[in-house]
Protein backbone atom coordinates (compact mmCIF):
# COMPACT_ATOMS: atom_id res chain seq x y z
CA MET A 1 -7.67 -9.04 12.81
CA LYS A 2 -5.55 -10.84 15.46
CA GLN A 3 -1.84 -10.90 16.00
CA ASN A 4 0.32 -13.47 13.95
CA ILE A 5 1.53 -16.05 16.49
CA GLU A 6 2.17 -19.40 15.80
CA THR A 7 1.30 -22.05 18.75
CA PHE A 8 1.14 -25.37 18.72
CA ILE A 9 -2.27 -26.53 17.08
CA GLY A 10 -4.86 -26.40 19.74
CA CYS A 11 -2.86 -25.01 22.80
CA ASP A 12 -4.25 -21.42 22.41
CA CYS A 13 -6.55 -21.29 25.20
CA GLU A 14 -5.73 -18.04 27.79
CA TYR A 15 -3.06 -18.24 29.94
CA GLU A 16 -5.39 -17.74 32.67
CA LYS A 17 -7.25 -20.48 31.82
CA ALA A 18 -4.32 -22.99 31.04
CA GLU A 19 -3.99 -26.14 33.35
CA ILE A 20 -0.56 -26.52 30.93
CA VAL A 21 1.66 -24.45 30.09
CA LEU A 22 3.98 -24.84 27.22
CA PHE A 23 7.21 -23.77 26.34
CA GLY A 24 10.43 -24.63 23.97
CA ALA A 25 13.76 -24.16 25.13
CA PRO A 26 16.00 -24.33 21.88
CA PHE A 27 19.03 -24.89 23.01
CA ASP A 28 22.07 -27.71 21.68
CA SER A 29 25.19 -26.52 23.01
CA THR A 30 26.35 -29.27 24.69
CA THR A 31 25.48 -32.27 21.91
CA SER A 32 27.62 -34.78 21.38
CA TYR A 33 26.96 -36.28 17.60
CA ARG A 34 24.59 -33.97 15.55
CA PRO A 35 23.25 -30.69 16.20
CA GLY A 36 20.71 -29.03 15.54
CA ALA A 37 17.70 -29.74 18.28
CA ARG A 38 17.87 -26.23 18.85
CA PHE A 39 15.05 -26.52 15.97
CA GLY A 40 12.67 -28.83 17.01
CA SER A 41 10.48 -26.81 18.94
CA SER A 42 9.39 -23.98 16.41
CA ALA A 43 9.38 -26.97 13.69
CA MET A 44 6.91 -28.76 15.83
CA ARG A 45 4.64 -25.63 16.00
CA HIS A 46 4.67 -24.61 12.30
CA GLU A 47 4.45 -28.45 11.32
CA SER A 48 1.60 -29.23 13.82
CA PHE A 49 -1.18 -27.96 11.75
CA GLY A 50 -0.78 -30.86 9.37
CA LEU A 51 -2.44 -33.02 12.48
CA GLU A 52 -6.18 -32.69 13.58
CA THR A 53 -6.83 -31.70 17.07
CA TYR A 54 -8.89 -34.67 17.40
CA SER A 55 -7.20 -38.16 18.70
CA PRO A 56 -8.99 -41.78 17.26
CA TYR A 57 -6.82 -43.02 19.66
CA GLN A 58 -7.74 -41.60 23.01
CA ASP A 59 -10.97 -40.30 21.66
CA LYS A 60 -10.04 -36.67 22.74
CA ASP A 61 -9.72 -33.56 21.18
CA LEU A 62 -7.32 -30.40 21.96
CA THR A 63 -10.15 -28.00 21.40
CA ASP A 64 -11.23 -29.52 25.13
CA CYS A 65 -7.75 -29.19 26.43
CA PHE A 66 -6.37 -25.84 28.66
CA VAL A 67 -3.24 -25.91 27.20
CA PHE A 68 -1.55 -22.26 26.74
CA ASP A 69 1.38 -21.90 24.10
CA SER A 70 4.21 -19.18 25.48
CA GLY A 71 6.80 -19.82 22.49
CA ASP A 72 10.55 -20.32 23.01
CA LEU A 73 12.47 -18.46 25.09
CA GLU A 74 15.66 -16.95 23.95
CA LEU A 75 18.74 -18.56 25.49
CA CYS A 76 22.62 -17.82 25.70
CA PHE A 77 24.27 -20.23 23.44
CA GLY A 78 27.52 -19.14 24.89
CA ASN A 79 26.89 -20.21 29.02
CA THR A 80 24.91 -23.58 29.59
CA GLU A 81 24.11 -22.39 33.16
CA ASP A 82 22.70 -19.40 32.06
CA ALA A 83 20.87 -21.03 29.79
CA LEU A 84 19.55 -23.47 32.58
CA SER A 85 18.53 -20.77 34.49
CA ASP A 86 16.62 -19.00 32.15
CA ILE A 87 14.48 -22.46 31.98
CA GLU A 88 14.45 -22.99 35.55
CA GLN A 89 12.88 -19.09 36.12
CA HIS A 90 10.65 -19.50 33.42
CA ALA A 91 9.15 -23.20 34.63
CA ASP A 92 8.90 -21.43 38.40
CA GLN A 93 6.79 -19.14 37.27
CA ILE A 94 4.49 -21.63 35.57
CA MET A 95 4.29 -23.30 38.78
CA GLU A 96 4.01 -20.18 41.20
CA GLU A 97 0.69 -19.70 39.07
CA GLY A 98 -0.14 -23.60 39.59
CA LYS A 99 -0.38 -24.44 36.19
CA MET A 100 2.40 -27.29 34.98
CA PRO A 101 5.32 -26.70 32.73
CA LEU A 102 5.50 -29.07 29.84
CA LEU A 103 9.03 -28.21 28.17
CA LEU A 104 10.41 -28.71 24.15
CA GLY A 105 13.46 -29.32 23.21
CA GLY A 106 15.74 -28.30 22.53
CA GLU A 107 18.59 -31.29 23.72
CA HIS A 108 18.15 -33.46 26.46
CA LEU A 109 20.00 -31.39 28.81
CA VAL A 110 17.09 -28.85 29.13
CA THR A 111 15.15 -31.26 31.41
CA LEU A 112 17.75 -30.67 34.24
CA ALA A 113 16.23 -26.70 34.47
CA ASN A 114 12.36 -28.08 34.04
CA VAL A 115 13.58 -31.01 36.93
CA ARG A 116 15.06 -28.37 38.99
CA ALA A 117 12.05 -26.26 39.42
CA VAL A 118 9.49 -29.33 39.98
CA TYR A 119 11.36 -30.43 42.39
CA LYS A 120 11.11 -27.22 44.51
CA ARG A 121 7.71 -28.01 44.77
CA PHE A 122 7.96 -31.78 44.68
CA PRO A 123 11.12 -32.95 46.48
CA GLU A 124 9.52 -36.84 46.90
CA MET A 125 8.89 -36.78 43.10
CA HIS A 126 10.17 -39.81 40.39
CA ILE A 127 10.96 -39.51 37.25
CA ILE A 128 10.06 -42.27 34.46
CA HIS A 129 12.75 -41.50 31.49
CA PHE A 130 12.10 -42.92 27.93
CA ASP A 131 15.89 -42.68 26.42
CA ALA A 132 17.83 -44.79 24.46
CA HIS A 133 20.95 -43.63 26.23
CA THR A 134 21.13 -44.04 29.60
CA ASP A 135 22.44 -40.09 30.34
CA LEU A 136 24.21 -41.29 33.46
CA ARG A 137 28.15 -40.09 32.93
CA GLU A 138 29.70 -38.06 35.65
CA ASP A 139 31.09 -36.00 33.22
CA TYR A 140 31.21 -35.99 28.91
CA LEU A 141 34.64 -34.25 27.78
CA GLY A 142 35.19 -32.99 31.71
CA ALA A 143 31.40 -31.24 31.09
CA LYS A 144 29.23 -32.28 34.26
CA LEU A 145 26.51 -30.24 32.13
CA SER A 146 26.09 -32.13 28.25
CA HIS A 147 23.39 -33.83 27.64
CA ALA A 148 25.29 -37.01 28.23
CA CYS A 149 25.05 -36.22 32.23
CA VAL A 150 21.12 -35.13 32.27
CA ILE A 151 20.43 -37.85 34.23
CA ARG A 152 23.04 -37.99 36.55
CA ARG A 153 22.75 -34.63 37.52
CA CYS A 154 18.92 -34.96 37.97
CA HIS A 155 20.09 -38.66 40.50
CA ASP A 156 22.49 -35.90 42.08
CA MET A 157 18.96 -34.17 43.53
CA LEU A 158 16.83 -37.18 43.60
CA GLY A 159 19.04 -40.13 45.05
CA ASP A 160 18.47 -43.30 44.56
CA GLY A 161 15.42 -45.87 43.12
CA ARG A 162 13.40 -42.83 42.03
CA ILE A 163 14.74 -42.46 38.58
CA HIS A 164 12.74 -45.37 36.13
CA GLN A 165 14.59 -45.86 33.06
CA PHE A 166 13.07 -47.49 30.28
CA CYS A 167 14.07 -47.91 26.11
CA ILE A 168 17.53 -47.68 26.98
CA ARG A 169 20.22 -49.73 24.85
CA SER A 170 23.49 -47.26 24.50
CA GLY A 171 25.99 -45.69 27.09
CA GLU A 172 29.28 -46.93 28.36
CA ARG A 173 29.93 -49.79 30.64
CA GLU A 174 30.22 -47.25 34.12
CA GLU A 175 26.73 -45.79 33.14
CA PHE A 176 25.10 -49.32 33.44
CA ALA A 177 26.87 -50.45 36.13
CA PHE A 178 25.88 -47.21 38.19
CA ALA A 179 22.52 -47.57 37.07
CA LYS A 180 22.40 -51.39 38.43
CA GLU A 181 23.29 -50.21 41.90
CA HIS A 182 21.57 -45.97 41.67
CA THR A 183 18.32 -46.50 39.18
CA ASP A 184 15.62 -48.42 37.82
CA LEU A 185 17.34 -49.26 34.54
CA HIS A 186 14.73 -51.45 31.99
CA PRO A 187 16.67 -52.05 29.06
CA PHE A 188 15.69 -52.18 25.26
CA ASP A 189 11.60 -51.89 25.49
CA PHE A 190 9.20 -50.82 28.25
CA GLU A 191 8.99 -54.05 30.02
CA GLY A 192 8.24 -53.83 33.80
CA LEU A 193 6.78 -49.91 33.09
CA GLU A 194 3.41 -51.32 34.50
CA GLN A 195 4.13 -52.31 37.49
CA VAL A 196 6.20 -49.07 38.04
CA VAL A 197 2.86 -47.14 37.33
CA GLN A 198 0.97 -49.19 39.45
CA GLN A 199 3.38 -49.08 42.56
CA LEU A 200 3.38 -45.29 41.81
CA LYS A 201 -0.37 -44.94 41.47
CA GLU A 202 -0.55 -46.64 44.89
CA ASN A 203 1.54 -44.34 46.70
CA ASN A 204 0.22 -41.32 45.02
CA THR A 205 3.60 -40.14 44.19
CA PRO A 206 4.93 -37.02 41.55
CA VAL A 207 6.09 -38.17 39.02
CA TYR A 208 8.45 -36.03 36.41
CA PHE A 209 7.93 -37.24 32.97
CA THR A 210 10.98 -37.04 30.49
CA ILE A 211 10.67 -38.42 26.42
CA ASP A 212 13.96 -38.38 24.62
CA LEU A 213 12.60 -39.01 21.18
CA ASP A 214 15.21 -41.29 20.39
CA CYS A 215 13.66 -43.80 22.36
CA LEU A 216 11.36 -44.42 18.69
CA ASP A 217 13.45 -46.64 16.41
CA PRO A 218 15.93 -44.66 13.76
CA SER A 219 13.37 -46.35 11.06
CA VAL A 220 10.54 -44.57 12.86
CA PHE A 221 12.58 -41.33 13.93
CA PRO A 222 16.25 -40.84 11.80
CA GLY A 223 15.43 -37.02 13.02
CA THR A 224 18.03 -36.89 15.53
CA GLY A 225 21.15 -36.32 17.19
CA THR A 226 22.23 -39.76 18.02
CA PRO A 227 19.89 -42.18 16.39
CA GLU A 228 20.30 -46.06 17.98
CA ALA A 229 18.63 -49.01 16.02
CA GLY A 230 16.93 -51.45 18.12
CA GLY A 231 14.08 -48.91 19.35
CA VAL A 232 10.57 -48.80 19.97
CA THR A 233 7.52 -48.28 17.76
CA PHE A 234 5.64 -45.16 17.43
CA MET A 235 2.48 -47.65 19.17
CA GLN A 236 4.44 -48.87 21.32
CA LEU A 237 5.28 -45.51 22.79
CA LEU A 238 2.02 -43.99 22.62
CA HIS A 239 0.60 -47.28 24.95
CA ALA A 240 3.68 -46.33 27.17
CA ILE A 241 2.74 -42.55 27.51
CA ARG A 242 -1.25 -43.51 28.25
CA LEU A 243 0.40 -45.74 30.99
CA VAL A 244 2.38 -43.10 32.72
CA SER A 245 -0.66 -40.74 32.34
CA GLU A 246 -1.87 -42.63 35.26
CA THR A 247 0.18 -41.27 37.55
CA LYS A 248 0.46 -37.85 39.21
CA ILE A 249 2.42 -36.37 36.75
CA VAL A 250 3.62 -32.85 37.90
CA GLY A 251 6.01 -32.04 35.15
CA ALA A 252 7.08 -33.41 31.46
CA ASP A 253 9.51 -32.14 28.74
CA LEU A 254 9.97 -34.01 24.89
CA ASN A 255 12.88 -33.57 23.71
CA GLU A 256 15.91 -34.07 20.67
CA LEU A 257 14.01 -33.50 17.33
CA ALA A 258 16.60 -32.30 15.26
CA PRO A 259 13.97 -31.36 11.95
CA MET A 260 16.76 -30.61 9.43
CA LEU A 261 18.56 -34.18 9.75
CA ASP A 262 15.55 -36.13 8.66
CA GLN A 263 14.63 -34.08 4.69
CA SER A 264 11.55 -36.15 4.73
CA GLY A 265 9.93 -34.32 7.31
CA VAL A 266 8.35 -37.77 8.97
CA SER A 267 10.45 -37.03 12.11
CA THR A 268 8.89 -33.72 12.78
CA ALA A 269 5.68 -35.04 11.59
CA THR A 270 6.18 -38.00 14.26
CA ALA A 271 7.03 -35.38 16.99
CA CYS A 272 4.47 -33.45 16.77
CA LYS A 273 1.98 -36.63 17.13
CA VAL A 274 3.41 -38.05 20.10
CA LEU A 275 3.12 -34.64 21.53
CA ARG A 276 -0.44 -34.44 20.92
CA GLU A 277 -1.03 -37.47 22.17
CA LEU A 278 1.15 -36.60 25.49
CA LEU A 279 -1.01 -33.21 25.98
CA LEU A 280 -3.96 -35.29 25.42
CA SER A 281 -3.10 -37.99 28.16
CA LEU A 282 -2.62 -35.18 30.82
CA LYS A 283 -6.14 -34.56 30.63
CA LYS A 284 -8.21 -36.29 33.20
């Protein structure tokens, strides 16, 4: 008999042997439209057993990977900075032991905590950001810690020219003006991604990879808090993930699944498959 602990399918290797540690941040207290992303990570674990561990897209199997799923953190919903601090401490521990932290949201703000931990070890890193939204507001209704501000807070650390944004199709005029001056923004799709990847590869630049699942079109992925028409397809996202995996990825996250907003379960199934393909693409 073994203790009944639910993990993402195929992510049950021993911690000591793990190269990647998967962990969930069930937090959505700054969500600006429809809440529910706090349930995303647990839903993905539960529904992952509808998948196979084998990917015909990549001819790889999760059973050949070394991934440990440490489960969801218990986070304070009344204090955003406390929640971010707990996430950062967990990521710190993972990195201190030579493993890659792969974070499951939760809303996109949780990315900031994982980025803080990775940045300590790789201050020269760049960020590749897939999203429908710029997330570059200085504040949202007075709050500087919001999922609408997460990439702006990352820019506060990294500075100009080190954040590469793709699929963006929504944001305030001021955010697009800021991006024009300070980030490398590619609106609507993945045009320009190959060139960015090639440059980062040539320089062996450490990369943090953040995926907001609302980069997908709502016809593919309606179960998210702020859906935006005009997104990419699953196959386009899959191809883009494989491209980014050619870089030196040192940390990553996947966020913004709100499972109860899609009663069909299709969004959760899609998120599970994206996570499987992301994990497999990280296996060199």
